[in-house]
Amino acid sequence: MTPDDIAAIALALPGTAESAHFGKRDFRAPKIFLSLPSPGIANLNLAPDQQSMFVELYPEVFSPLPNAWGLRGWTAFRLDACTDETARMAVEAAWKTVAPKRLRDALT
């Protein structure tokens, strides 16, 4: 999985736009749900219960960010350790945490 692969997954979701935060690529709907802070790593804005689920199911891929952001659900994931299917599930879960209802309804 490359940064461009993960970007394509994000941009396929309704209402998603690419932007930049502190000079790093991010994806919004309209709030940030995914960022690409460094090579090989993506950060997702998950709900805390979603974060727990992904970390428990895929500990080699997902980990909470090591600060207060992690306690709020922000989760790092290793692109090189993630399958396409798992990446799609995680990105969609993050998108759903920030997307307004009208956008979530457009996904179905």
C-alpha atoms as a PDB file:
ATOM      1  CA  MET A   1       0.000   0.000   0.000  1.00  0.00           C
ATOM      2  CA  THR A   2       1.441   3.368  -1.031  1.00  0.00           C
ATOM      3  CA  PRO A   3       0.428   6.897   0.002  1.00  0.00           C
ATOM      4  CA  ASP A   4      -1.184   7.317  -3.416  1.00  0.00           C
ATOM      5  CA  ASP A   5      -3.146   4.069  -2.920  1.00  0.00           C
ATOM      6  CA  ILE A   6      -4.490   5.296   0.406  1.00  0.00           C
ATOM      7  CA  ALA A   7      -5.242   8.715  -1.115  1.00  0.00           C
ATOM      8  CA  ALA A   8      -7.271   7.050  -3.880  1.00  0.00           C
ATOM      9  CA  ILE A   9      -9.306   5.133  -1.281  1.00  0.00           C
ATOM     10  CA  ALA A  10     -10.013   8.353   0.627  1.00  0.00           C
ATOM     11  CA  LEU A  11     -10.843  10.431  -2.446  1.00  0.00           C
ATOM     12  CA  ALA A  12     -13.373   7.826  -3.604  1.00  0.00           C
ATOM     13  CA  LEU A  13     -15.520   8.605  -0.553  1.00  0.00           C
ATOM     14  CA  PRO A  14     -18.283  11.213  -1.034  1.00  0.00           C
ATOM     15  CA  GLY A  15     -17.392  14.800  -0.199  1.00  0.00           C
ATOM     16  CA  THR A  16     -13.706  14.106   0.407  1.00  0.00           C
ATOM     17  CA  ALA A  17     -11.142  16.742  -0.489  1.00  0.00           C
ATOM     18  CA  GLU A  18      -7.366  16.600  -0.263  1.00  0.00           C
ATOM     19  CA  SER A  19      -5.654  19.417   1.588  1.00  0.00           C
ATOM     20  CA  ALA A  20      -2.559  19.940   3.738  1.00  0.00           C
ATOM     21  CA  HIS A  21      -2.038  20.309   7.471  1.00  0.00           C
ATOM     22  CA  PHE A  22       1.372  21.475   8.697  1.00  0.00           C
ATOM     23  CA  GLY A  23       2.700  20.760   5.205  1.00  0.00           C
ATOM     24  CA  LYS A  24       1.487  17.137   5.166  1.00  0.00           C
ATOM     25  CA  ARG A  25      -1.250  15.665   2.964  1.00  0.00           C
ATOM     26  CA  ASP A  26      -4.624  15.239   4.617  1.00  0.00           C
ATOM     27  CA  PHE A  27      -8.131  14.272   3.604  1.00  0.00           C
ATOM     28  CA  ARG A  28     -11.292  15.960   4.870  1.00  0.00           C
ATOM     29  CA  ALA A  29     -15.053  15.456   4.757  1.00  0.00           C
ATOM     30  CA  PRO A  30     -15.184  18.350   5.882  1.00  0.00           C
ATOM     31  CA  LYS A  31     -13.039  17.616   8.992  1.00  0.00           C
ATOM     32  CA  ILE A  32      -9.744  15.762   8.771  1.00  0.00           C
ATOM     33  CA  PHE A  33     -10.169  11.991   8.898  1.00  0.00           C
ATOM     34  CA  LEU A  34      -6.851  10.877   7.374  1.00  0.00           C
ATOM     35  CA  SER A  35      -3.368  12.333   7.209  1.00  0.00           C
ATOM     36  CA  LEU A  36      -0.074  11.168   5.751  1.00  0.00           C
ATOM     37  CA  PRO A  37       2.466  12.533   8.254  1.00  0.00           C
ATOM     38  CA  SER A  38       5.546  10.555   7.213  1.00  0.00           C
ATOM     39  CA  PRO A  39       6.615   7.947   4.656  1.00  0.00           C
ATOM     40  CA  GLY A  40       4.863   4.627   5.176  1.00  0.00           C
ATOM     41  CA  ILE A  41       2.499   5.910   7.901  1.00  0.00           C
ATOM     42  CA  ALA A  42      -1.070   7.153   7.812  1.00  0.00           C
ATOM     43  CA  ASN A  43      -3.039   8.559  10.725  1.00  0.00           C
ATOM     44  CA  LEU A  44      -6.774   7.962  11.027  1.00  0.00           C
ATOM     45  CA  ASN A  45      -9.371   9.789  13.086  1.00  0.00           C
ATOM     46  CA  LEU A  46     -11.287   6.829  14.515  1.00  0.00           C
ATOM     47  CA  ALA A  47     -13.766   6.683  17.358  1.00  0.00           C
ATOM     48  CA  PRO A  48     -12.042   5.217  20.446  1.00  0.00           C
ATOM     49  CA  ASP A  49     -14.031   1.967  20.209  1.00  0.00           C
ATOM     50  CA  GLN A  50     -13.085   1.603  16.542  1.00  0.00           C
ATOM     51  CA  GLN A  51      -9.461   2.255  17.438  1.00  0.00           C
ATOM     52  CA  SER A  52      -9.573  -0.517  20.048  1.00  0.00           C
ATOM     53  CA  MET A  53     -11.075  -2.931  17.550  1.00  0.00           C
ATOM     54  CA  PHE A  54      -8.486  -2.264  14.822  1.00  0.00           C
ATOM     55  CA  VAL A  55      -5.571  -2.398  17.290  1.00  0.00           C
ATOM     56  CA  GLU A  56      -6.843  -5.671  18.760  1.00  0.00           C
ATOM     57  CA  LEU A  57      -7.520  -7.318  15.372  1.00  0.00           C
ATOM     58  CA  TYR A  58      -4.398  -6.026  13.589  1.00  0.00           C
ATOM     59  CA  PRO A  59      -1.731  -5.102  16.191  1.00  0.00           C
ATOM     60  CA  GLU A  60       1.040  -5.294  13.592  1.00  0.00           C
ATOM     61  CA  VAL A  61      -0.707  -2.602  11.523  1.00  0.00           C
ATOM     62  CA  PHE A  62      -2.519  -0.190  13.878  1.00  0.00           C
ATOM     63  CA  SER A  63      -1.437   1.648  17.028  1.00  0.00           C
ATOM     64  CA  PRO A  64      -2.849   4.609  18.962  1.00  0.00           C
ATOM     65  CA  LEU A  65      -0.888   7.818  18.601  1.00  0.00           C
ATOM     66  CA  PRO A  66       1.308   8.164  21.709  1.00  0.00           C
ATOM     67  CA  ASN A  67      -0.295  11.267  23.208  1.00  0.00           C
ATOM     68  CA  ALA A  68      -3.657  12.853  23.960  1.00  0.00           C
ATOM     69  CA  TRP A  69      -4.570  12.548  20.288  1.00  0.00           C
ATOM     70  CA  GLY A  70      -4.347   8.779  20.642  1.00  0.00           C
ATOM     71  CA  LEU A  71      -6.752   8.870  23.566  1.00  0.00           C
ATOM     72  CA  ARG A  72      -9.228  10.654  21.291  1.00  0.00           C
ATOM     73  CA  GLY A  73      -9.030   7.873  18.690  1.00  0.00           C
ATOM     74  CA  TRP A  74      -6.259   9.075  16.401  1.00  0.00           C
ATOM     75  CA  THR A  75      -4.569   5.927  15.181  1.00  0.00           C
ATOM     76  CA  ALA A  76      -1.397   5.332  13.172  1.00  0.00           C
ATOM     77  CA  PHE A  77      -1.224   2.555  10.657  1.00  0.00           C
ATOM     78  CA  ARG A  78       1.659   1.096   8.713  1.00  0.00           C
ATOM     79  CA  LEU A  79       0.963   1.158   5.011  1.00  0.00           C
ATOM     80  CA  ASP A  80       3.430  -1.630   4.236  1.00  0.00           C
ATOM     81  CA  ALA A  81       1.706  -4.008   6.672  1.00  0.00           C
ATOM     82  CA  CYS A  82      -1.868  -3.286   5.602  1.00  0.00           C
ATOM     83  CA  THR A  83      -3.918  -5.213   3.058  1.00  0.00           C
ATOM     84  CA  ASP A  84      -6.089  -3.351   0.595  1.00  0.00           C
ATOM     85  CA  GLU A  85      -9.274  -4.643   2.248  1.00  0.00           C
ATOM     86  CA  THR A  86      -8.176  -3.633   5.752  1.00  0.00           C
ATOM     87  CA  ALA A  87      -7.073  -0.197   4.536  1.00  0.00           C
ATOM     88  CA  ARG A  88     -10.466   0.359   2.899  1.00  0.00           C
ATOM     89  CA  MET A  89     -12.333  -0.650   6.070  1.00  0.00           C
ATOM     90  CA  ALA A  90     -10.178   1.609   8.251  1.00  0.00           C
ATOM     91  CA  VAL A  91     -10.317   4.646   5.962  1.00  0.00           C
ATOM     92  CA  GLU A  92     -14.087   4.309   5.599  1.00  0.00           C
ATOM     93  CA  ALA A  93     -14.482   4.003   9.385  1.00  0.00           C
ATOM     94  CA  ALA A  94     -12.441   7.179   9.878  1.00  0.00           C
ATOM     95  CA  TRP A  95     -14.429   8.986   7.183  1.00  0.00           C
ATOM     96  CA  LYS A  96     -17.685   8.020   8.906  1.00  0.00           C
ATOM     97  CA  THR A  97     -16.475   9.579  12.183  1.00  0.00           C
ATOM     98  CA  VAL A  98     -16.335  13.052  10.597  1.00  0.00           C
ATOM     99  CA  ALA A  99     -18.656  12.990   7.574  1.00  0.00           C
ATOM    100  CA  PRO A 100     -22.019  14.692   7.976  1.00  0.00           C
ATOM    101  CA  LYS A 101     -25.093  12.497   7.712  1.00  0.00           C
ATOM    102  CA  ARG A 102     -25.887  13.650   4.151  1.00  0.00           C
ATOM    103  CA  LEU A 103     -22.476  12.383   3.002  1.00  0.00           C
ATOM    104  CA  ARG A 104     -22.768   9.124   4.950  1.00  0.00           C
ATOM    105  CA  ASP A 105     -26.172   8.578   3.322  1.00  0.00           C
ATOM    106  CA  ALA A 106     -24.573   9.110  -0.113  1.00  0.00           C
ATOM    107  CA  LEU A 107     -22.214   6.185   0.497  1.00  0.00           C
ATOM    108  CA  THR A 108     -24.996   3.609   0.628  1.00  0.00           C
END
